[in-house]
Full PDB file with SEQRES, HELIX, SHEET, SSBOND, CRYST1, ORIGX, SCALE, CONECT and MASTER records, all heavy atoms in Angstrom:
SEQRES   1 A   30  LYS THR LEU LYS ARG ARG PRO LYS TYR TRP PHE GLN ALA          
SEQRES   2 A   30  ARG ARG ARG PHE PHE LEU LYS ASN TYR GLY ALA LEU TYR          
SEQRES   3 A   30  THR MET LEU VAL                                              
HELIX    1 AA1 LYS A    8  TYR A   22  1                                  15    
HELIX    2 AA2 ALA A   24  LEU A   29  1                                   6    
CRYST1    1.000    1.000    1.000  90.00  90.00  90.00 P 1           1          
ORIGX1      1.000000  0.000000  0.000000        0.00000                         
ORIGX2      0.000000  1.000000  0.000000        0.00000                         
ORIGX3      0.000000  0.000000  1.000000        0.00000                         
SCALE1      1.000000  0.000000  0.000000        0.00000                         
SCALE2      0.000000  1.000000  0.000000        0.00000                         
SCALE3      0.000000  0.000000  1.000000        0.00000                         
ATOM      1  N   LYS A   1     -20.184  27.167  58.444  1.00  0.00           N  
ATOM      2  CA  LYS A   1     -21.532  27.683  58.516  1.00  0.00           C  
ATOM      3  C   LYS A   1     -22.269  27.399  57.203  1.00  0.00           C  
ATOM      4  O   LYS A   1     -23.447  27.480  57.077  1.00  0.00           O  
ATOM      5  CB  LYS A   1     -21.478  29.188  58.748  1.00  0.00           C  
ATOM      6  CG  LYS A   1     -20.869  29.591  60.107  1.00  0.00           C  
ATOM      7  CD  LYS A   1     -21.687  29.108  61.223  1.00  0.00           C  
ATOM      8  CE  LYS A   1     -21.197  29.502  62.616  1.00  0.00           C  
ATOM      9  NZ  LYS A   1     -21.953  28.946  63.674  1.00  0.00           N  
ATOM     10  N   THR A   2     -21.500  27.080  56.134  1.00  0.00           N  
ATOM     11  CA  THR A   2     -22.150  26.892  54.881  1.00  0.00           C  
ATOM     12  C   THR A   2     -21.979  25.500  54.274  1.00  0.00           C  
ATOM     13  O   THR A   2     -22.578  25.158  53.296  1.00  0.00           O  
ATOM     14  CB  THR A   2     -21.604  27.926  53.778  1.00  0.00           C  
ATOM     15  OG1 THR A   2     -20.161  27.740  53.687  1.00  0.00           O  
ATOM     16  CG2 THR A   2     -21.957  29.357  54.205  1.00  0.00           C  
ATOM     17  N   LEU A   3     -21.082  24.747  54.857  1.00  0.00           N  
ATOM     18  CA  LEU A   3     -20.841  23.355  54.400  1.00  0.00           C  
ATOM     19  C   LEU A   3     -22.090  22.581  54.522  1.00  0.00           C  
ATOM     20  O   LEU A   3     -22.871  22.650  55.543  1.00  0.00           O  
ATOM     21  CB  LEU A   3     -19.747  22.750  55.211  1.00  0.00           C  
ATOM     22  CG  LEU A   3     -18.288  23.181  54.855  1.00  0.00           C  
ATOM     23  CD1 LEU A   3     -17.337  22.472  55.849  1.00  0.00           C  
ATOM     24  CD2 LEU A   3     -17.939  22.766  53.438  1.00  0.00           C  
ATOM     25  N   LYS A   4     -22.354  21.746  53.573  1.00  0.00           N  
ATOM     26  CA  LYS A   4     -23.515  20.831  53.646  1.00  0.00           C  
ATOM     27  C   LYS A   4     -23.326  19.735  54.660  1.00  0.00           C  
ATOM     28  O   LYS A   4     -24.318  19.261  55.299  1.00  0.00           O  
ATOM     29  CB  LYS A   4     -23.825  20.232  52.305  1.00  0.00           C  
ATOM     30  CG  LYS A   4     -24.231  21.188  51.243  1.00  0.00           C  
ATOM     31  CD  LYS A   4     -24.566  20.556  49.843  1.00  0.00           C  
ATOM     32  CE  LYS A   4     -24.951  21.522  48.853  1.00  0.00           C  
ATOM     33  NZ  LYS A   4     -25.317  20.972  47.520  1.00  0.00           N  
ATOM     34  N   ARG A   5     -22.034  19.312  54.863  1.00  0.00           N  
ATOM     35  CA  ARG A   5     -21.756  18.292  55.833  1.00  0.00           C  
ATOM     36  C   ARG A   5     -20.705  18.785  56.800  1.00  0.00           C  
ATOM     37  O   ARG A   5     -19.755  19.403  56.359  1.00  0.00           O  
ATOM     38  CB  ARG A   5     -21.331  17.002  55.125  1.00  0.00           C  
ATOM     39  CG  ARG A   5     -21.238  15.790  56.030  1.00  0.00           C  
ATOM     40  CD  ARG A   5     -21.022  14.583  55.114  1.00  0.00           C  
ATOM     41  NE  ARG A   5     -20.968  13.363  55.820  1.00  0.00           N  
ATOM     42  CZ  ARG A   5     -20.854  12.179  55.341  1.00  0.00           C  
ATOM     43  NH1 ARG A   5     -20.837  12.044  54.039  1.00  0.00           N  
ATOM     44  NH2 ARG A   5     -20.896  11.080  56.108  1.00  0.00           N  
ATOM     45  N   ARG A   6     -20.829  18.615  58.060  1.00  0.00           N  
ATOM     46  CA  ARG A   6     -19.912  19.076  59.022  1.00  0.00           C  
ATOM     47  C   ARG A   6     -18.519  18.426  58.804  1.00  0.00           C  
ATOM     48  O   ARG A   6     -18.519  17.136  58.652  1.00  0.00           O  
ATOM     49  CB  ARG A   6     -20.350  18.875  60.475  1.00  0.00           C  
ATOM     50  CG  ARG A   6     -19.525  19.560  61.579  1.00  0.00           C  
ATOM     51  CD  ARG A   6     -20.362  19.729  62.810  1.00  0.00           C  
ATOM     52  NE  ARG A   6     -21.387  20.765  62.670  1.00  0.00           N  
ATOM     53  CZ  ARG A   6     -22.135  21.164  63.594  1.00  0.00           C  
ATOM     54  NH1 ARG A   6     -22.134  20.546  64.841  1.00  0.00           N  
ATOM     55  NH2 ARG A   6     -23.077  22.065  63.405  1.00  0.00           N  
ATOM     56  N   PRO A   7     -17.398  19.100  58.895  1.00  0.00           N  
ATOM     57  CA  PRO A   7     -16.132  18.506  58.486  1.00  0.00           C  
ATOM     58  C   PRO A   7     -15.634  17.577  59.602  1.00  0.00           C  
ATOM     59  O   PRO A   7     -15.982  17.676  60.705  1.00  0.00           O  
ATOM     60  CB  PRO A   7     -15.170  19.745  58.362  1.00  0.00           C  
ATOM     61  CG  PRO A   7     -15.836  20.808  59.225  1.00  0.00           C  
ATOM     62  CD  PRO A   7     -17.324  20.617  59.030  1.00  0.00           C  
ATOM     63  N   LYS A   8     -14.779  16.563  59.141  1.00  0.00           N  
ATOM     64  CA  LYS A   8     -14.308  15.559  59.940  1.00  0.00           C  
ATOM     65  C   LYS A   8     -13.493  16.181  61.163  1.00  0.00           C  
ATOM     66  O   LYS A   8     -13.586  15.656  62.239  1.00  0.00           O  
ATOM     67  CB  LYS A   8     -13.388  14.641  59.183  1.00  0.00           C  
ATOM     68  CG  LYS A   8     -12.897  13.496  59.969  1.00  0.00           C  
ATOM     69  CD  LYS A   8     -12.278  12.373  59.084  1.00  0.00           C  
ATOM     70  CE  LYS A   8     -11.101  12.866  58.212  1.00  0.00           C  
ATOM     71  NZ  LYS A   8     -10.475  11.785  57.395  1.00  0.00           N  
ATOM     72  N   TYR A   9     -12.752  17.285  60.882  1.00  0.00           N  
ATOM     73  CA  TYR A   9     -11.931  17.792  61.884  1.00  0.00           C  
ATOM     74  C   TYR A   9     -12.706  18.365  63.096  1.00  0.00           C  
ATOM     75  O   TYR A   9     -12.250  18.486  64.185  1.00  0.00           O  
ATOM     76  CB  TYR A   9     -10.871  18.774  61.373  1.00  0.00           C  
ATOM     77  CG  TYR A   9     -11.437  19.978  60.606  1.00  0.00           C  
ATOM     78  CD1 TYR A   9     -12.035  21.038  61.233  1.00  0.00           C  
ATOM     79  CD2 TYR A   9     -11.212  19.954  59.198  1.00  0.00           C  
ATOM     80  CE1 TYR A   9     -12.439  22.125  60.472  1.00  0.00           C  
ATOM     81  CE2 TYR A   9     -11.732  21.020  58.441  1.00  0.00           C  
ATOM     82  CZ  TYR A   9     -12.315  22.081  59.095  1.00  0.00           C  
ATOM     83  OH  TYR A   9     -12.812  23.116  58.352  1.00  0.00           O  
ATOM     84  N   TRP A  10     -14.011  18.793  62.807  1.00  0.00           N  
ATOM     85  CA  TRP A  10     -14.812  19.272  63.955  1.00  0.00           C  
ATOM     86  C   TRP A  10     -15.125  18.159  64.902  1.00  0.00           C  
ATOM     87  O   TRP A  10     -14.974  18.342  66.148  1.00  0.00           O  
ATOM     88  CB  TRP A  10     -16.101  19.861  63.312  1.00  0.00           C  
ATOM     89  CG  TRP A  10     -16.978  20.484  64.425  1.00  0.00           C  
ATOM     90  CD1 TRP A  10     -16.966  21.826  64.855  1.00  0.00           C  
ATOM     91  CD2 TRP A  10     -17.928  19.866  65.269  1.00  0.00           C  
ATOM     92  NE1 TRP A  10     -17.888  21.987  65.856  1.00  0.00           N  
ATOM     93  CE2 TRP A  10     -18.469  20.810  66.153  1.00  0.00           C  
ATOM     94  CE3 TRP A  10     -18.440  18.501  65.314  1.00  0.00           C  
ATOM     95  CZ2 TRP A  10     -19.462  20.471  67.076  1.00  0.00           C  
ATOM     96  CZ3 TRP A  10     -19.375  18.260  66.296  1.00  0.00           C  
ATOM     97  CH2 TRP A  10     -19.976  19.276  67.061  1.00  0.00           C  
ATOM     98  N   PHE A  11     -15.510  17.025  64.406  1.00  0.00           N  
ATOM     99  CA  PHE A  11     -15.755  15.885  65.232  1.00  0.00           C  
ATOM    100  C   PHE A  11     -14.540  15.394  65.984  1.00  0.00           C  
ATOM    101  O   PHE A  11     -14.566  15.022  67.152  1.00  0.00           O  
ATOM    102  CB  PHE A  11     -16.407  14.723  64.442  1.00  0.00           C  
ATOM    103  CG  PHE A  11     -17.695  15.030  63.815  1.00  0.00           C  
ATOM    104  CD1 PHE A  11     -17.835  15.483  62.540  1.00  0.00           C  
ATOM    105  CD2 PHE A  11     -18.901  14.912  64.575  1.00  0.00           C  
ATOM    106  CE1 PHE A  11     -19.025  15.716  61.957  1.00  0.00           C  
ATOM    107  CE2 PHE A  11     -20.116  15.164  64.035  1.00  0.00           C  
ATOM    108  CZ  PHE A  11     -20.244  15.556  62.679  1.00  0.00           C  
ATOM    109  N   GLN A  12     -13.388  15.390  65.250  1.00  0.00           N  
ATOM    110  CA  GLN A  12     -12.204  14.950  65.936  1.00  0.00           C  
ATOM    111  C   GLN A  12     -11.751  15.875  67.026  1.00  0.00           C  
ATOM    112  O   GLN A  12     -11.199  15.494  68.079  1.00  0.00           O  
ATOM    113  CB  GLN A  12     -11.062  14.837  64.853  1.00  0.00           C  
ATOM    114  CG  GLN A  12     -11.264  13.744  63.861  1.00  0.00           C  
ATOM    115  CD  GLN A  12     -10.130  13.755  62.779  1.00  0.00           C  
ATOM    116  OE1 GLN A  12      -9.415  14.716  62.692  1.00  0.00           O  
ATOM    117  NE2 GLN A  12     -10.099  12.656  62.024  1.00  0.00           N  
ATOM    118  N   ALA A  13     -11.980  17.213  66.797  1.00  0.00           N  
ATOM    119  CA  ALA A  13     -11.618  18.198  67.931  1.00  0.00           C  
ATOM    120  C   ALA A  13     -12.509  17.987  69.100  1.00  0.00           C  
ATOM    121  O   ALA A  13     -12.060  18.047  70.280  1.00  0.00           O  
ATOM    122  CB  ALA A  13     -11.746  19.653  67.305  1.00  0.00           C  
ATOM    123  N   ARG A  14     -13.801  17.823  68.857  1.00  0.00           N  
ATOM    124  CA  ARG A  14     -14.729  17.544  69.965  1.00  0.00           C  
ATOM    125  C   ARG A  14     -14.327  16.353  70.831  1.00  0.00           C  
ATOM    126  O   ARG A  14     -14.280  16.391  72.034  1.00  0.00           O  
ATOM    127  CB  ARG A  14     -16.153  17.380  69.452  1.00  0.00           C  
ATOM    128  CG  ARG A  14     -17.217  17.058  70.575  1.00  0.00           C  
ATOM    129  CD  ARG A  14     -18.514  16.709  69.908  1.00  0.00           C  
ATOM    130  NE  ARG A  14     -19.552  16.284  70.851  1.00  0.00           N  
ATOM    131  CZ  ARG A  14     -19.605  15.001  71.312  1.00  0.00           C  
ATOM    132  NH1 ARG A  14     -18.613  14.093  70.851  1.00  0.00           N  
ATOM    133  NH2 ARG A  14     -20.487  14.672  72.217  1.00  0.00           N  
ATOM    134  N   ARG A  15     -14.004  15.307  70.086  1.00  0.00           N  
ATOM    135  CA  ARG A  15     -13.601  14.049  70.733  1.00  0.00           C  
ATOM    136  C   ARG A  15     -12.316  14.327  71.505  1.00  0.00           C  
ATOM    137  O   ARG A  15     -12.232  13.750  72.719  1.00  0.00           O  
ATOM    138  CB  ARG A  15     -13.387  12.899  69.674  1.00  0.00           C  
ATOM    139  CG  ARG A  15     -12.914  11.646  70.189  1.00  0.00           C  
ATOM    140  CD  ARG A  15     -12.634  10.640  69.008  1.00  0.00           C  
ATOM    141  NE  ARG A  15     -12.147   9.429  69.512  1.00  0.00           N  
ATOM    142  CZ  ARG A  15     -10.935   9.195  69.867  1.00  0.00           C  
ATOM    143  NH1 ARG A  15     -10.011  10.191  69.717  1.00  0.00           N  
ATOM    144  NH2 ARG A  15     -10.519   7.994  70.231  1.00  0.00           N  
ATOM    145  N   ARG A  16     -11.376  14.997  70.966  1.00  0.00           N  
ATOM    146  CA  ARG A  16     -10.105  15.161  71.631  1.00  0.00           C  
ATOM    147  C   ARG A  16     -10.348  16.027  72.922  1.00  0.00           C  
ATOM    148  O   ARG A  16      -9.754  15.740  74.007  1.00  0.00           O  
ATOM    149  CB  ARG A  16      -9.115  15.885  70.720  1.00  0.00           C  
ATOM    150  CG  ARG A  16      -7.844  16.308  71.436  1.00  0.00           C  
ATOM    151  CD  ARG A  16      -6.860  17.014  70.443  1.00  0.00           C  
ATOM    152  NE  ARG A  16      -5.613  17.432  71.201  1.00  0.00           N  
ATOM    153  CZ  ARG A  16      -4.563  16.656  71.463  1.00  0.00           C  
ATOM    154  NH1 ARG A  16      -4.630  15.415  71.046  1.00  0.00           N  
ATOM    155  NH2 ARG A  16      -3.602  17.109  72.067  1.00  0.00           N  
ATOM    156  N   PHE A  17     -11.130  16.977  72.873  1.00  0.00           N  
ATOM    157  CA  PHE A  17     -11.430  17.871  73.972  1.00  0.00           C  
ATOM    158  C   PHE A  17     -11.907  17.069  75.188  1.00  0.00           C  
ATOM    159  O   PHE A  17     -11.427  17.160  76.287  1.00  0.00           O  
ATOM    160  CB  PHE A  17     -12.376  19.007  73.595  1.00  0.00           C  
ATOM    161  CG  PHE A  17     -12.882  19.774  74.888  1.00  0.00           C  
ATOM    162  CD1 PHE A  17     -12.082  20.648  75.439  1.00  0.00           C  
ATOM    163  CD2 PHE A  17     -14.143  19.494  75.412  1.00  0.00           C  
ATOM    164  CE1 PHE A  17     -12.419  21.361  76.616  1.00  0.00           C  
ATOM    165  CE2 PHE A  17     -14.557  20.196  76.591  1.00  0.00           C  
ATOM    166  CZ  PHE A  17     -13.719  21.115  77.146  1.00  0.00           C  
ATOM    167  N   PHE A  18     -12.923  16.258  74.977  1.00  0.00           N  
ATOM    168  CA  PHE A  18     -13.534  15.527  76.091  1.00  0.00           C  
ATOM    169  C   PHE A  18     -12.594  14.426  76.594  1.00  0.00           C  
ATOM    170  O   PHE A  18     -12.503  14.256  77.900  1.00  0.00           O  
ATOM    171  CB  PHE A  18     -14.852  14.937  75.622  1.00  0.00           C  
ATOM    172  CG  PHE A  18     -16.012  15.942  75.654  1.00  0.00           C  
ATOM    173  CD1 PHE A  18     -16.601  16.333  74.428  1.00  0.00           C  
ATOM    174  CD2 PHE A  18     -16.426  16.528  76.836  1.00  0.00           C  
ATOM    175  CE1 PHE A  18     -17.594  17.237  74.440  1.00  0.00           C  
ATOM    176  CE2 PHE A  18     -17.496  17.527  76.792  1.00  0.00           C  
ATOM    177  CZ  PHE A  18     -18.063  17.829  75.614  1.00  0.00           C  
ATOM    178  N   LEU A  19     -11.954  13.725  75.751  1.00  0.00           N  
ATOM    179  CA  LEU A  19     -11.068  12.650  76.201  1.00  0.00           C  
ATOM    180  C   LEU A  19      -9.855  13.255  76.964  1.00  0.00           C  
ATOM    181  O   LEU A  19      -9.458  12.782  78.028  1.00  0.00           O  
ATOM    182  CB  LEU A  19     -10.564  11.749  75.021  1.00  0.00           C  
ATOM    183  CG  LEU A  19     -11.457  10.739  74.496  1.00  0.00           C  
ATOM    184  CD1 LEU A  19     -10.923  10.092  73.292  1.00  0.00           C  
ATOM    185  CD2 LEU A  19     -11.760   9.670  75.584  1.00  0.00           C  
ATOM    186  N   LYS A  20      -9.371  14.273  76.359  1.00  0.00           N  
ATOM    187  CA  LYS A  20      -8.148  14.891  77.030  1.00  0.00           C  
ATOM    188  C   LYS A  20      -8.446  15.464  78.453  1.00  0.00           C  
ATOM    189  O   LYS A  20      -7.634  15.305  79.347  1.00  0.00           O  
ATOM    190  CB  LYS A  20      -7.580  16.030  76.116  1.00  0.00           C  
ATOM    191  CG  LYS A  20      -6.468  16.868  76.745  1.00  0.00           C  
ATOM    192  CD  LYS A  20      -6.227  18.150  75.857  1.00  0.00           C  
ATOM    193  CE  LYS A  20      -5.236  19.051  76.637  1.00  0.00           C  
ATOM    194  NZ  LYS A  20      -5.014  20.380  75.853  1.00  0.00           N  
ATOM    195  N   ASN A  21      -9.573  16.121  78.535  1.00  0.00           N  
ATOM    196  CA  ASN A  21      -9.871  16.845  79.787  1.00  0.00           C  
ATOM    197  C   ASN A  21     -10.749  16.119  80.767  1.00  0.00           C  
ATOM    198  O   ASN A  21     -10.692  16.410  81.935  1.00  0.00           O  
ATOM    199  CB  ASN A  21     -10.571  18.177  79.418  1.00  0.00           C  
ATOM    200  CG  ASN A  21      -9.632  19.090  78.718  1.00  0.00           C  
ATOM    201  OD1 ASN A  21      -8.622  19.602  79.292  1.00  0.00           O  
ATOM    202  ND2 ASN A  21      -9.882  19.418  77.486  1.00  0.00           N  
ATOM    203  N   TYR A  22     -11.556  15.114  80.331  1.00  0.00           N  
ATOM    204  CA  TYR A  22     -12.460  14.474  81.254  1.00  0.00           C  
ATOM    205  C   TYR A  22     -12.325  12.963  81.322  1.00  0.00           C  
ATOM    206  O   TYR A  22     -13.011  12.319  82.208  1.00  0.00           O  
ATOM    207  CB  TYR A  22     -13.906  14.831  80.874  1.00  0.00           C  
ATOM    208  CG  TYR A  22     -14.138  16.291  80.997  1.00  0.00           C  
ATOM    209  CD1 TYR A  22     -14.337  17.059  79.824  1.00  0.00           C  
ATOM    210  CD2 TYR A  22     -14.248  16.975  82.249  1.00  0.00           C  
ATOM    211  CE1 TYR A  22     -14.554  18.498  79.904  1.00  0.00           C  
ATOM    212  CE2 TYR A  22     -14.485  18.311  82.290  1.00  0.00           C  
ATOM    213  CZ  TYR A  22     -14.688  19.101  81.193  1.00  0.00           C  
ATOM    214  OH  TYR A  22     -14.922  20.415  81.294  1.00  0.00           O  
ATOM    215  N   GLY A  23     -11.554  12.368  80.392  1.00  0.00           N  
ATOM    216  CA  GLY A  23     -11.376  10.922  80.441  1.00  0.00           C  
ATOM    217  C   GLY A  23     -12.362  10.145  79.741  1.00  0.00           C  
ATOM    218  O   GLY A  23     -13.342  10.677  79.117  1.00  0.00           O  
ATOM    219  N   ALA A  24     -12.135   8.759  79.673  1.00  0.00           N  
ATOM    220  CA  ALA A  24     -12.922   7.905  78.787  1.00  0.00           C  
ATOM    221  C   ALA A  24     -14.330   7.714  79.210  1.00  0.00           C  
ATOM    222  O   ALA A  24     -15.273   7.828  78.389  1.00  0.00           O  
ATOM    223  CB  ALA A  24     -12.191   6.513  78.779  1.00  0.00           C  
ATOM    224  N   LEU A  25     -14.623   7.541  80.505  1.00  0.00           N  
ATOM    225  CA  LEU A  25     -15.906   7.259  80.951  1.00  0.00           C  
ATOM    226  C   LEU A  25     -16.906   8.463  80.721  1.00  0.00           C  
ATOM    227  O   LEU A  25     -17.988   8.342  80.190  1.00  0.00           O  
ATOM    228  CB  LEU A  25     -16.007   6.896  82.422  1.00  0.00           C  
ATOM    229  CG  LEU A  25     -17.370   6.644  83.090  1.00  0.00           C  
ATOM    230  CD1 LEU A  25     -18.092   5.503  82.399  1.00  0.00           C  
ATOM    231  CD2 LEU A  25     -17.256   6.392  84.554  1.00  0.00           C  
ATOM    232  N   TYR A  26     -16.365   9.579  81.022  1.00  0.00           N  
ATOM    233  CA  TYR A  26     -17.276  10.814  80.887  1.00  0.00           C  
ATOM    234  C   TYR A  26     -17.436  11.105  79.360  1.00  0.00           C  
ATOM    235  O   TYR A  26     -18.576  11.418  79.003  1.00  0.00           O  
ATOM    236  CB  TYR A  26     -16.491  12.090  81.517  1.00  0.00           C  
ATOM    237  CG  TYR A  26     -17.478  13.170  81.619  1.00  0.00           C  
ATOM    238  CD1 TYR A  26     -18.333  13.347  82.735  1.00  0.00           C  
ATOM    239  CD2 TYR A  26     -17.394  14.244  80.645  1.00  0.00           C  
ATOM    240  CE1 TYR A  26     -19.087  14.453  82.828  1.00  0.00           C  
ATOM    241  CE2 TYR A  26     -18.232  15.374  80.811  1.00  0.00           C  
ATOM    242  CZ  TYR A  26     -19.109  15.459  81.882  1.00  0.00           C  
ATOM    243  OH  TYR A  26     -19.979  16.546  81.973  1.00  0.00           O  
ATOM    244  N   THR A  27     -16.435  10.892  78.573  1.00  0.00           N  
ATOM    245  CA  THR A  27     -16.621  11.079  77.121  1.00  0.00           C  
ATOM    246  C   THR A  27     -17.694  10.064  76.530  1.00  0.00           C  
ATOM    247  O   THR A  27     -18.443  10.479  75.721  1.00  0.00           O  
ATOM    248  CB  THR A  27     -15.289  10.889  76.436  1.00  0.00           C  
ATOM    249  OG1 THR A  27     -14.343  11.860  76.979  1.00  0.00           O  
ATOM    250  CG2 THR A  27     -15.449  11.248  74.856  1.00  0.00           C  
ATOM    251  N   MET A  28     -17.662   8.911  77.005  1.00  0.00           N  
ATOM    252  CA  MET A  28     -18.574   7.896  76.637  1.00  0.00           C  
ATOM    253  C   MET A  28     -20.013   8.379  77.001  1.00  0.00           C  
ATOM    254  O   MET A  28     -20.941   8.259  76.174  1.00  0.00           O  
ATOM    255  CB  MET A  28     -18.311   6.528  77.296  1.00  0.00           C  
ATOM    256  CG  MET A  28     -19.277   5.423  76.835  1.00  0.00           C  
ATOM    257  SD  MET A  28     -18.706   3.784  77.450  1.00  0.00           S  
ATOM    258  CE  MET A  28     -18.998   4.061  79.179  1.00  0.00           C  
ATOM    259  N   LEU A  29     -20.203   8.913  78.174  1.00  0.00           N  
ATOM    260  CA  LEU A  29     -21.577   9.443  78.605  1.00  0.00           C  
ATOM    261  C   LEU A  29     -21.923  10.675  77.773  1.00  0.00           C  
ATOM    262  O   LEU A  29     -23.086  10.798  77.385  1.00  0.00           O  
ATOM    263  CB  LEU A  29     -21.513   9.762  80.043  1.00  0.00           C  
ATOM    264  CG  LEU A  29     -21.255   8.600  80.985  1.00  0.00           C  
ATOM    265  CD1 LEU A  29     -21.134   9.113  82.437  1.00  0.00           C  
ATOM    266  CD2 LEU A  29     -22.521   7.573  80.916  1.00  0.00           C  
ATOM    267  N   VAL A  30     -20.950  11.486  77.423  1.00  0.00           N  
ATOM    268  CA  VAL A  30     -21.259  12.677  76.651  1.00  0.00           C  
ATOM    269  C   VAL A  30     -21.702  12.224  75.278  1.00  0.00           C  
ATOM    270  O   VAL A  30     -22.702  12.768  74.707  1.00  0.00           O  
ATOM    271  CB  VAL A  30     -19.994  13.587  76.515  1.00  0.00           C  
ATOM    272  CG1 VAL A  30     -20.123  14.547  75.411  1.00  0.00           C  
ATOM    273  CG2 VAL A  30     -19.787  14.338  77.878  1.00  0.00           C  
TER     274      VAL A  30                                                      
MASTER        0    0    0    2    0    0    0    6  273    1    0    3          
END                                                                             
C-alpha cells in the first residue's frame, strides 16, 4: 500500500493465477 512501485511478486502471482486456472488463451485476453 505504500510502495512507490508494485513488487514483482504481485505481477507473478497474478500471472500464475490466470494461467493455472484458465489457460493460455484466456490469460492472453486478460
